[in-house]
Amino acid sequence: MAKKLYIGNLSFNTTESQLRDLFAQVGTVTSCDVIMDKFTNKPRGFAFVEMSTEEEAQKAISEFDGKDVDGRMLKVNEAKPRENRGGGGGGHGGGRGRRDFSNNRW
């Protein structure tokens, strides 16, 4: 079963291709995503790499956690499930409704 890893403290110059090649040294990489800032379209300094098996993922953690890549010490561990931060929020005013000034209430 595939296992997703979190890769932190990446150099902003590290590419998806370089990361994929690095992790391919210890097993089969099924996916590799360098996370980009949605406004600037520049790397945010972390990525997710999915290894094809639990064993390959553990080998990648032991091999690359603390490894110097592009002058940065990588932080590699199992990715945690994404938190649900709630939805939407929508609109201005936070859903308070109309103000009623007739009796000094909101």
PDB file of N, CA and C in Angstrom:
ATOM      1  N   MET A   1       0.841  -1.192   0.000  1.00  0.00           N
ATOM      2  CA  MET A   1       0.000   0.000   0.000  1.00  0.00           C
ATOM      3  C   MET A   1       0.880   1.247   0.000  1.00  0.00           C
ATOM      4  N   ALA A   2       0.514   2.221  -0.814  1.00  0.00           N
ATOM      5  CA  ALA A   2       1.309   3.446  -0.938  1.00  0.00           C
ATOM      6  C   ALA A   2       1.271   4.237   0.361  1.00  0.00           C
ATOM      7  N   LYS A   3       2.358   4.969   0.606  1.00  0.00           N
ATOM      8  CA  LYS A   3       2.482   5.767   1.822  1.00  0.00           C
ATOM      9  C   LYS A   3       2.964   7.151   1.456  1.00  0.00           C
ATOM     10  N   LYS A   4       2.242   8.179   1.923  1.00  0.00           N
ATOM     11  CA  LYS A   4       2.574   9.566   1.612  1.00  0.00           C
ATOM     12  C   LYS A   4       3.504  10.125   2.678  1.00  0.00           C
ATOM     13  N   LEU A   5       4.540  10.836   2.223  1.00  0.00           N
ATOM     14  CA  LEU A   5       5.521  11.455   3.106  1.00  0.00           C
ATOM     15  C   LEU A   5       5.473  12.972   2.968  1.00  0.00           C
ATOM     16  N   TYR A   6       5.706  13.649   4.093  1.00  0.00           N
ATOM     17  CA  TYR A   6       5.847  15.100   4.112  1.00  0.00           C
ATOM     18  C   TYR A   6       7.334  15.410   4.040  1.00  0.00           C
ATOM     19  N   ILE A   7       7.722  16.307   3.140  1.00  0.00           N
ATOM     20  CA  ILE A   7       9.112  16.729   2.992  1.00  0.00           C
ATOM     21  C   ILE A   7       9.162  18.215   3.296  1.00  0.00           C
ATOM     22  N   GLY A   8       9.794  18.581   4.400  1.00  0.00           N
ATOM     23  CA  GLY A   8       9.842  19.973   4.810  1.00  0.00           C
ATOM     24  C   GLY A   8      11.241  20.547   4.730  1.00  0.00           C
ATOM     25  N   ASN A   9      11.325  21.863   4.876  1.00  0.00           N
ATOM     26  CA  ASN A   9      12.573  22.625   4.850  1.00  0.00           C
ATOM     27  C   ASN A   9      13.285  22.518   3.502  1.00  0.00           C
ATOM     28  N   LEU A  10      12.497  22.447   2.442  1.00  0.00           N
ATOM     29  CA  LEU A  10      13.078  22.390   1.096  1.00  0.00           C
ATOM     30  C   LEU A  10      13.618  23.748   0.682  1.00  0.00           C
ATOM     31  N   SER A  11      14.685  23.715  -0.076  1.00  0.00           N
ATOM     32  CA  SER A  11      15.167  24.927  -0.725  1.00  0.00           C
ATOM     33  C   SER A  11      14.113  25.360  -1.735  1.00  0.00           C
ATOM     34  N   PHE A  12      13.950  26.658  -1.915  1.00  0.00           N
ATOM     35  CA  PHE A  12      12.993  27.148  -2.896  1.00  0.00           C
ATOM     36  C   PHE A  12      13.455  26.851  -4.321  1.00  0.00           C
ATOM     37  N   ASN A  13      14.693  26.384  -4.478  1.00  0.00           N
ATOM     38  CA  ASN A  13      15.230  26.041  -5.797  1.00  0.00           C
ATOM     39  C   ASN A  13      15.039  24.566  -6.146  1.00  0.00           C
ATOM     40  N   THR A  14      14.632  23.745  -5.181  1.00  0.00           N
ATOM     41  CA  THR A  14      14.466  22.311  -5.428  1.00  0.00           C
ATOM     42  C   THR A  14      13.235  22.084  -6.298  1.00  0.00           C
ATOM     43  N   THR A  15      13.430  21.334  -7.383  1.00  0.00           N
ATOM     44  CA  THR A  15      12.332  21.074  -8.312  1.00  0.00           C
ATOM     45  C   THR A  15      11.679  19.725  -8.020  1.00  0.00           C
ATOM     46  N   GLU A  16      10.499  19.552  -8.558  1.00  0.00           N
ATOM     47  CA  GLU A  16       9.784  18.286  -8.426  1.00  0.00           C
ATOM     48  C   GLU A  16      10.604  17.146  -9.026  1.00  0.00           C
ATOM     49  N   SER A  17      11.233  17.402 -10.139  1.00  0.00           N
ATOM     50  CA  SER A  17      12.051  16.397 -10.804  1.00  0.00           C
ATOM     51  C   SER A  17      13.234  15.968  -9.931  1.00  0.00           C
ATOM     52  N   GLN A  18      13.918  16.929  -9.320  1.00  0.00           N
ATOM     53  CA  GLN A  18      15.041  16.615  -8.441  1.00  0.00           C
ATOM     54  C   GLN A  18      14.582  15.794  -7.243  1.00  0.00           C
ATOM     55  N   LEU A  19      13.453  16.164  -6.677  1.00  0.00           N
ATOM     56  CA  LEU A  19      12.920  15.455  -5.516  1.00  0.00           C
ATOM     57  C   LEU A  19      12.519  14.029  -5.882  1.00  0.00           C
ATOM     58  N   ARG A  20      11.868  13.885  -7.028  1.00  0.00           N
ATOM     59  CA  ARG A  20      11.466  12.562  -7.497  1.00  0.00           C
ATOM     60  C   ARG A  20      12.705  11.672  -7.708  1.00  0.00           C
ATOM     61  N   ASP A  21      13.740  12.226  -8.327  1.00  0.00           N
ATOM     62  CA  ASP A  21      14.971  11.465  -8.561  1.00  0.00           C
ATOM     63  C   ASP A  21      15.639  11.055  -7.249  1.00  0.00           C
ATOM     64  N   LEU A  22      15.640  11.959  -6.274  1.00  0.00           N
ATOM     65  CA  LEU A  22      16.239  11.661  -4.979  1.00  0.00           C
ATOM     66  C   LEU A  22      15.527  10.498  -4.297  1.00  0.00           C
ATOM     67  N   PHE A  23      14.200  10.569  -4.215  1.00  0.00           N
ATOM     68  CA  PHE A  23      13.443   9.530  -3.519  1.00  0.00           C
ATOM     69  C   PHE A  23      13.387   8.221  -4.305  1.00  0.00           C
ATOM     70  N   ALA A  24      13.577   8.280  -5.612  1.00  0.00           N
ATOM     71  CA  ALA A  24      13.622   7.067  -6.430  1.00  0.00           C
ATOM     72  C   ALA A  24      14.841   6.204  -6.086  1.00  0.00           C
ATOM     73  N   GLN A  25      15.826   6.785  -5.402  1.00  0.00           N
ATOM     74  CA  GLN A  25      17.007   6.016  -4.988  1.00  0.00           C
ATOM     75  C   GLN A  25      16.664   4.932  -3.963  1.00  0.00           C
ATOM     76  N   VAL A  26      15.538   5.103  -3.254  1.00  0.00           N
ATOM     77  CA  VAL A  26      15.175   4.123  -2.222  1.00  0.00           C
ATOM     78  C   VAL A  26      13.907   3.346  -2.547  1.00  0.00           C
ATOM     79  N   GLY A  27      13.263   3.627  -3.696  1.00  0.00           N
ATOM     80  CA  GLY A  27      12.060   2.888  -4.053  1.00  0.00           C
ATOM     81  C   GLY A  27      11.283   3.560  -5.163  1.00  0.00           C
ATOM     82  N   THR A  28      10.079   3.082  -5.363  1.00  0.00           N
ATOM     83  CA  THR A  28       9.219   3.583  -6.426  1.00  0.00           C
ATOM     84  C   THR A  28       8.405   4.775  -5.928  1.00  0.00           C
ATOM     85  N   VAL A  29       8.562   5.890  -6.608  1.00  0.00           N
ATOM     86  CA  VAL A  29       7.818   7.101  -6.278  1.00  0.00           C
ATOM     87  C   VAL A  29       6.539   7.091  -7.116  1.00  0.00           C
ATOM     88  N   THR A  30       5.378   7.056  -6.437  1.00  0.00           N
ATOM     89  CA  THR A  30       4.113   7.043  -7.175  1.00  0.00           C
ATOM     90  C   THR A  30       3.582   8.445  -7.440  1.00  0.00           C
ATOM     91  N   SER A  31       3.966   9.414  -6.602  1.00  0.00           N
ATOM     92  CA  SER A  31       3.615  10.806  -6.880  1.00  0.00           C
ATOM     93  C   SER A  31       4.567  11.728  -6.137  1.00  0.00           C
ATOM     94  N   CYS A  32       4.709  12.929  -6.671  1.00  0.00           N
ATOM     95  CA  CYS A  32       5.592  13.930  -6.069  1.00  0.00           C
ATOM     96  C   CYS A  32       4.983  15.300  -6.350  1.00  0.00           C
ATOM     97  N   ASP A  33       4.702  16.047  -5.272  1.00  0.00           N
ATOM     98  CA  ASP A  33       4.076  17.358  -5.430  1.00  0.00           C
ATOM     99  C   ASP A  33       4.800  18.390  -4.584  1.00  0.00           C
ATOM    100  N   VAL A  34       5.515  19.306  -5.240  1.00  0.00           N
ATOM    101  CA  VAL A  34       6.092  20.456  -4.549  1.00  0.00           C
ATOM    102  C   VAL A  34       4.960  21.470  -4.428  1.00  0.00           C
ATOM    103  N   ILE A  35       4.681  21.913  -3.217  1.00  0.00           N
ATOM    104  CA  ILE A  35       3.549  22.795  -2.971  1.00  0.00           C
ATOM    105  C   ILE A  35       3.931  24.231  -3.323  1.00  0.00           C
ATOM    106  N   MET A  36       3.069  24.837  -4.153  1.00  0.00           N
ATOM    107  CA  MET A  36       3.314  26.191  -4.650  1.00  0.00           C
ATOM    108  C   MET A  36       2.331  27.161  -4.000  1.00  0.00           C
ATOM    109  N   ASP A  37       2.777  28.391  -3.800  1.00  0.00           N
ATOM    110  CA  ASP A  37       1.910  29.446  -3.286  1.00  0.00           C
ATOM    111  C   ASP A  37       0.920  29.818  -4.389  1.00  0.00           C
ATOM    112  N   LYS A  38      -0.361  29.861  -4.046  1.00  0.00           N
ATOM    113  CA  LYS A  38      -1.370  30.113  -5.083  1.00  0.00           C
ATOM    114  C   LYS A  38      -1.373  31.541  -5.604  1.00  0.00           C
ATOM    115  N   PHE A  39      -0.789  32.482  -4.862  1.00  0.00           N
ATOM    116  CA  PHE A  39      -0.772  33.873  -5.306  1.00  0.00           C
ATOM    117  C   PHE A  39       0.499  34.219  -6.080  1.00  0.00           C
ATOM    118  N   THR A  40       1.648  33.723  -5.606  1.00  0.00           N
ATOM    119  CA  THR A  40       2.920  34.064  -6.247  1.00  0.00           C
ATOM    120  C   THR A  40       3.409  32.989  -7.207  1.00  0.00           C
ATOM    121  N   ASN A  41       2.820  31.794  -7.115  1.00  0.00           N
ATOM    122  CA  ASN A  41       3.228  30.646  -7.916  1.00  0.00           C
ATOM    123  C   ASN A  41       4.700  30.278  -7.692  1.00  0.00           C
ATOM    124  N   LYS A  42       5.193  30.535  -6.473  1.00  0.00           N
ATOM    125  CA  LYS A  42       6.546  30.144  -6.086  1.00  0.00           C
ATOM    126  C   LYS A  42       6.453  29.031  -5.049  1.00  0.00           C
ATOM    127  N   PRO A  43       7.493  28.186  -4.965  1.00  0.00           N
ATOM    128  CA  PRO A  43       7.464  27.085  -3.993  1.00  0.00           C
ATOM    129  C   PRO A  43       7.318  27.595  -2.558  1.00  0.00           C
ATOM    130  N   ARG A  44       6.599  26.821  -1.731  1.00  0.00           N
ATOM    131  CA  ARG A  44       6.384  27.197  -0.336  1.00  0.00           C
ATOM    132  C   ARG A  44       7.393  26.548   0.605  1.00  0.00           C
ATOM    133  N   GLY A  45       8.275  25.691   0.070  1.00  0.00           N
ATOM    134  CA  GLY A  45       9.321  25.103   0.905  1.00  0.00           C
ATOM    135  C   GLY A  45       8.987  23.729   1.464  1.00  0.00           C
ATOM    136  N   PHE A  46       7.907  23.122   0.958  1.00  0.00           N
ATOM    137  CA  PHE A  46       7.612  21.756   1.361  1.00  0.00           C
ATOM    138  C   PHE A  46       6.943  21.008   0.214  1.00  0.00           C
ATOM    139  N   ALA A  47       6.904  19.677   0.370  1.00  0.00           N
ATOM    140  CA  ALA A  47       6.358  18.837  -0.691  1.00  0.00           C
ATOM    141  C   ALA A  47       5.785  17.567  -0.082  1.00  0.00           C
ATOM    142  N   PHE A  48       5.080  16.828  -0.907  1.00  0.00           N
ATOM    143  CA  PHE A  48       4.589  15.511  -0.534  1.00  0.00           C
ATOM    144  C   PHE A  48       5.086  14.519  -1.574  1.00  0.00           C
ATOM    145  N   VAL A  49       5.644  13.418  -1.090  1.00  0.00           N
ATOM    146  CA  VAL A  49       6.118  12.345  -1.963  1.00  0.00           C
ATOM    147  C   VAL A  49       5.411  11.078  -1.519  1.00  0.00           C
ATOM    148  N   GLU A  50       4.860  10.355  -2.473  1.00  0.00           N
ATOM    149  CA  GLU A  50       4.196   9.096  -2.157  1.00  0.00           C
ATOM    150  C   GLU A  50       5.052   7.943  -2.656  1.00  0.00           C
ATOM    151  N   MET A  51       5.405   7.060  -1.729  1.00  0.00           N
ATOM    152  CA  MET A  51       6.191   5.867  -2.055  1.00  0.00           C
ATOM    153  C   MET A  51       5.224   4.696  -2.220  1.00  0.00           C
ATOM    154  N   SER A  52       5.591   3.710  -3.041  1.00  0.00           N
ATOM    155  CA  SER A  52       4.656   2.636  -3.375  1.00  0.00           C
ATOM    156  C   SER A  52       4.384   1.660  -2.234  1.00  0.00           C
ATOM    157  N   THR A  53       5.311   1.538  -1.263  1.00  0.00           N
ATOM    158  CA  THR A  53       5.078   0.621  -0.137  1.00  0.00           C
ATOM    159  C   THR A  53       5.471   1.274   1.187  1.00  0.00           C
ATOM    160  N   GLU A  54       4.958   0.726   2.255  1.00  0.00           N
ATOM    161  CA  GLU A  54       5.297   1.173   3.608  1.00  0.00           C
ATOM    162  C   GLU A  54       6.802   1.028   3.860  1.00  0.00           C
ATOM    163  N   GLU A  55       7.386  -0.078   3.394  1.00  0.00           N
ATOM    164  CA  GLU A  55       8.818  -0.335   3.595  1.00  0.00           C
ATOM    165  C   GLU A  55       9.681   0.715   2.904  1.00  0.00           C
ATOM    166  N   GLU A  56       9.301   1.067   1.664  1.00  0.00           N
ATOM    167  CA  GLU A  56      10.045   2.100   0.942  1.00  0.00           C
ATOM    168  C   GLU A  56       9.906   3.453   1.632  1.00  0.00           C
ATOM    169  N   ALA A  57       8.731   3.729   2.157  1.00  0.00           N
ATOM    170  CA  ALA A  57       8.507   4.992   2.866  1.00  0.00           C
ATOM    171  C   ALA A  57       9.391   5.060   4.111  1.00  0.00           C
ATOM    172  N   GLN A  58       9.458   3.980   4.877  1.00  0.00           N
ATOM    173  CA  GLN A  58      10.298   3.954   6.078  1.00  0.00           C
ATOM    174  C   GLN A  58      11.781   4.090   5.720  1.00  0.00           C
ATOM    175  N   LYS A  59      12.178   3.459   4.624  1.00  0.00           N
ATOM    176  CA  LYS A  59      13.565   3.579   4.165  1.00  0.00           C
ATOM    177  C   LYS A  59      13.871   5.024   3.765  1.00  0.00           C
ATOM    178  N   ALA A  60      12.925   5.680   3.087  1.00  0.00           N
ATOM    179  CA  ALA A  60      13.110   7.077   2.682  1.00  0.00           C
ATOM    180  C   ALA A  60      13.233   7.985   3.902  1.00  0.00           C
ATOM    181  N   ILE A  61      12.417   7.733   4.929  1.00  0.00           N
ATOM    182  CA  ILE A  61      12.498   8.528   6.151  1.00  0.00           C
ATOM    183  C   ILE A  61      13.865   8.380   6.793  1.00  0.00           C
ATOM    184  N   SER A  62      14.312   7.138   6.948  1.00  0.00           N
ATOM    185  CA  SER A  62      15.608   6.918   7.611  1.00  0.00           C
ATOM    186  C   SER A  62      16.780   7.428   6.780  1.00  0.00           C
ATOM    187  N   GLU A  63      16.637   7.382   5.466  1.00  0.00           N
ATOM    188  CA  GLU A  63      17.715   7.811   4.569  1.00  0.00           C
ATOM    189  C   GLU A  63      17.799   9.333   4.412  1.00  0.00           C
ATOM    190  N   PHE A  64      16.637  10.003   4.331  1.00  0.00           N
ATOM    191  CA  PHE A  64      16.636  11.411   3.936  1.00  0.00           C
ATOM    192  C   PHE A  64      16.286  12.412   5.032  1.00  0.00           C
ATOM    193  N   ASP A  65      15.743  11.963   6.165  1.00  0.00           N
ATOM    194  CA  ASP A  65      15.453  12.908   7.249  1.00  0.00           C
ATOM    195  C   ASP A  65      16.774  13.451   7.790  1.00  0.00           C
ATOM    196  N   GLY A  66      16.965  14.749   7.710  1.00  0.00           N
ATOM    197  CA  GLY A  66      18.201  15.384   8.156  1.00  0.00           C
ATOM    198  C   GLY A  66      19.267  15.483   7.076  1.00  0.00           C
ATOM    199  N   LYS A  67      18.986  14.968   5.883  1.00  0.00           N
ATOM    200  CA  LYS A  67      19.952  15.020   4.779  1.00  0.00           C
ATOM    201  C   LYS A  67      20.026  16.434   4.210  1.00  0.00           C
ATOM    202  N   ASP A  68      21.233  16.867   3.896  1.00  0.00           N
ATOM    203  CA  ASP A  68      21.462  18.178   3.299  1.00  0.00           C
ATOM    204  C   ASP A  68      21.182  18.105   1.795  1.00  0.00           C
ATOM    205  N   VAL A  69      20.187  18.884   1.353  1.00  0.00           N
ATOM    206  CA  VAL A  69      19.850  18.973  -0.071  1.00  0.00           C
ATOM    207  C   VAL A  69      19.740  20.459  -0.406  1.00  0.00           C
ATOM    208  N   ASP A  70      20.548  20.909  -1.343  1.00  0.00           N
ATOM    209  CA  ASP A  70      20.579  22.326  -1.741  1.00  0.00           C
ATOM    210  C   ASP A  70      20.836  23.249  -0.546  1.00  0.00           C
ATOM    211  N   GLY A  71      21.675  22.795   0.379  1.00  0.00           N
ATOM    212  CA  GLY A  71      22.034  23.620   1.527  1.00  0.00           C
ATOM    213  C   GLY A  71      20.996  23.652   2.641  1.00  0.00           C
ATOM    214  N   ARG A  72      19.978  22.795   2.572  1.00  0.00           N
ATOM    215  CA  ARG A  72      18.932  22.734   3.596  1.00  0.00           C
ATOM    216  C   ARG A  72      18.848  21.327   4.162  1.00  0.00           C
ATOM    217  N   MET A  73      18.633  21.215   5.469  1.00  0.00           N
ATOM    218  CA  MET A  73      18.465  19.908   6.110  1.00  0.00           C
ATOM    219  C   MET A  73      16.993  19.508   5.979  1.00  0.00           C
ATOM    220  N   LEU A  74      16.734  18.449   5.199  1.00  0.00           N
ATOM    221  CA  LEU A  74      15.362  18.021   4.968  1.00  0.00           C
ATOM    222  C   LEU A  74      14.714  17.496   6.240  1.00  0.00           C
ATOM    223  N   LYS A  75      13.413  17.709   6.345  1.00  0.00           N
ATOM    224  CA  LYS A  75      12.590  17.108   7.389  1.00  0.00           C
ATOM    225  C   LYS A  75      11.649  16.158   6.671  1.00  0.00           C
ATOM    226  N   VAL A  76      11.799  14.854   6.929  1.00  0.00           N
ATOM    227  CA  VAL A  76      10.993  13.853   6.236  1.00  0.00           C
ATOM    228  C   VAL A  76      10.265  13.001   7.273  1.00  0.00           C
ATOM    229  N   ASN A  77       8.943  12.952   7.172  1.00  0.00           N
ATOM    230  CA  ASN A  77       8.162  12.070   8.031  1.00  0.00           C
ATOM    231  C   ASN A  77       6.848  11.707   7.346  1.00  0.00           C
ATOM    232  N   GLU A  78       6.085  10.828   7.989  1.00  0.00           N
ATOM    233  CA  GLU A  78       4.804  10.431   7.414  1.00  0.00           C
ATOM    234  C   GLU A  78       3.876  11.634   7.374  1.00  0.00           C
ATOM    235  N   ALA A  79       3.185  11.785   6.264  1.00  0.00           N
ATOM    236  CA  ALA A  79       2.226  12.878   6.130  1.00  0.00           C
ATOM    237  C   ALA A  79       1.014  12.582   6.991  1.00  0.00           C
ATOM    238  N   LYS A  80       0.546  13.602   7.680  1.00  0.00           N
ATOM    239  CA  LYS A  80      -0.663  13.461   8.492  1.00  0.00           C
ATOM    240  C   LYS A  80      -1.867  13.712   7.595  1.00  0.00           C
ATOM    241  N   PRO A  81      -3.006  13.106   7.933  1.00  0.00           N
ATOM    242  CA  PRO A  81      -4.212  13.378   7.136  1.00  0.00           C
ATOM    243  C   PRO A  81      -4.542  14.861   7.165  1.00  0.00           C
ATOM    244  N   ARG A  82      -5.023  15.351   6.074  1.00  0.00           N
ATOM    245  CA  ARG A  82      -5.356  16.766   5.961  1.00  0.00           C
ATOM    246  C   ARG A  82      -6.500  17.113   6.910  1.00  0.00           C
ATOM    247  N   GLU A  83      -6.320  18.200   7.669  1.00  0.00           N
ATOM    248  CA  GLU A  83      -7.349  18.649   8.599  1.00  0.00           C
ATOM    249  C   GLU A  83      -8.466  19.340   7.839  1.00  0.00           C
ATOM    250  N   ASN A  84      -9.682  19.127   8.290  1.00  0.00           N
ATOM    251  CA  ASN A  84     -10.805  19.862   7.732  1.00  0.00           C
ATOM    252  C   ASN A  84     -10.890  21.183   8.486  1.00  0.00           C
ATOM    253  N   ARG A  85     -10.579  22.262   7.803  1.00  0.00           N
ATOM    254  CA  ARG A  85     -10.559  23.573   8.443  1.00  0.00           C
ATOM    255  C   ARG A  85     -11.900  24.289   8.365  1.00  0.00           C
ATOM    256  N   GLY A  86     -12.908  23.574   8.023  1.00  0.00           N
ATOM    257  CA  GLY A  86     -14.212  24.213   7.895  1.00  0.00           C
ATOM    258  C   GLY A  86     -14.351  24.829   6.523  1.00  0.00           C
ATOM    259  N   GLY A  87     -15.540  25.110   6.157  1.00  0.00           N
ATOM    260  CA  GLY A  87     -15.741  25.595   4.807  1.00  0.00           C
ATOM    261  C   GLY A  87     -16.030  27.066   4.723  1.00  0.00           C
ATOM    262  N   GLY A  88     -15.907  27.518   3.540  1.00  0.00           N
ATOM    263  CA  GLY A  88     -16.363  28.811   3.101  1.00  0.00           C
ATOM    264  C   GLY A  88     -16.078  30.023   3.949  1.00  0.00           C
ATOM    265  N   GLY A  89     -16.990  30.384   4.764  1.00  0.00           N
ATOM    266  CA  GLY A  89     -16.890  31.621   5.506  1.00  0.00           C
ATOM    267  C   GLY A  89     -17.676  32.722   4.821  1.00  0.00           C
ATOM    268  N   GLY A  90     -17.739  32.678   3.548  1.00  0.00           N
ATOM    269  CA  GLY A  90     -18.476  33.536   2.657  1.00  0.00           C
ATOM    270  C   GLY A  90     -18.826  34.944   3.108  1.00  0.00           C
ATOM    271  N   GLY A  91     -18.816  35.830   2.204  1.00  0.00           N
ATOM    272  CA  GLY A  91     -19.349  37.168   2.349  1.00  0.00           C
ATOM    273  C   GLY A  91     -18.758  38.038   3.443  1.00  0.00           C
ATOM    274  N   HIS A  92     -19.199  39.257   3.460  1.00  0.00           N
ATOM    275  CA  HIS A  92     -18.753  40.222   4.459  1.00  0.00           C
ATOM    276  C   HIS A  92     -19.722  40.220   5.628  1.00  0.00           C
ATOM    277  N   GLY A  93     -19.245  40.520   6.803  1.00  0.00           N
ATOM    278  CA  GLY A  93     -20.115  40.654   7.949  1.00  0.00           C
ATOM    279  C   GLY A  93     -20.287  39.387   8.760  1.00  0.00           C
ATOM    280  N   GLY A  94     -19.771  38.276   8.278  1.00  0.00           N
ATOM    281  CA  GLY A  94     -19.786  37.052   9.066  1.00  0.00           C
ATOM    282  C   GLY A  94     -21.163  36.501   9.382  1.00  0.00           C
ATOM    283  N   GLY A  95     -22.160  36.805   8.591  1.00  0.00           N
ATOM    284  CA  GLY A  95     -23.473  36.215   8.780  1.00  0.00           C
ATOM    285  C   GLY A  95     -24.272  36.814   9.938  1.00  0.00           C
ATOM    286  N   ARG A  96     -23.993  38.038  10.330  1.00  0.00           N
ATOM    287  CA  ARG A  96     -24.702  38.656  11.448  1.00  0.00           C
ATOM    288  C   ARG A  96     -26.101  39.130  11.070  1.00  0.00           C
ATOM    289  N   GLY A  97     -26.354  39.275   9.812  1.00  0.00           N
ATOM    290  CA  GLY A  97     -27.655  39.746   9.387  1.00  0.00           C
ATOM    291  C   GLY A  97     -27.735  41.270   9.408  1.00  0.00           C
ATOM    292  N   ARG A  98     -28.923  41.767   9.194  1.00  0.00           N
ATOM    293  CA  ARG A  98     -29.140  43.221   9.163  1.00  0.00           C
ATOM    294  C   ARG A  98     -29.176  43.800  10.566  1.00  0.00           C
ATOM    295  N   ARG A  99     -28.770  45.024  10.677  1.00  0.00           N
ATOM    296  CA  ARG A  99     -28.852  45.714  11.958  1.00  0.00           C
ATOM    297  C   ARG A  99     -30.244  46.313  12.118  1.00  0.00           C
ATOM    298  N   ASP A 100     -30.773  46.207  13.303  1.00  0.00           N
ATOM    299  CA  ASP A 100     -32.070  46.802  13.596  1.00  0.00           C
ATOM    300  C   ASP A 100     -31.835  47.927  14.600  1.00  0.00           C
ATOM    301  N   PHE A 101     -31.872  49.158  14.109  1.00  0.00           N
ATOM    302  CA  PHE A 101     -31.590  50.306  14.971  1.00  0.00           C
ATOM    303  C   PHE A 101     -32.842  50.840  15.662  1.00  0.00           C
ATOM    304  N   SER A 102     -34.002  50.249  15.387  1.00  0.00           N
ATOM    305  CA  SER A 102     -35.242  50.791  15.952  1.00  0.00           C
ATOM    306  C   SER A 102     -35.296  50.664  17.472  1.00  0.00           C
ATOM    307  N   ASN A 103     -34.644  49.658  18.024  1.00  0.00           N
ATOM    308  CA  ASN A 103     -34.637  49.523  19.468  1.00  0.00           C
ATOM    309  C   ASN A 103     -33.217  49.268  19.997  1.00  0.00           C
ATOM    310  N   ASN A 104     -32.223  49.817  19.291  1.00  0.00           N
ATOM    311  CA  ASN A 104     -30.809  49.726  19.664  1.00  0.00           C
ATOM    312  C   ASN A 104     -30.318  48.283  19.791  1.00  0.00           C
ATOM    313  N   ARG A 105     -30.826  47.420  18.944  1.00  0.00           N
ATOM    314  CA  ARG A 105     -30.344  46.030  18.910  1.00  0.00           C
ATOM    315  C   ARG A 105     -29.776  45.738  17.537  1.00  0.00           C
ATOM    316  N   TRP A 106     -29.007  44.738  17.488  1.00  0.00           N
ATOM    317  CA  TRP A 106     -28.416  44.299  16.221  1.00  0.00           C
ATOM    318  C   TRP A 106     -29.392  43.441  15.502  1.00  0.00           C
TER     319      TRP A 106
END
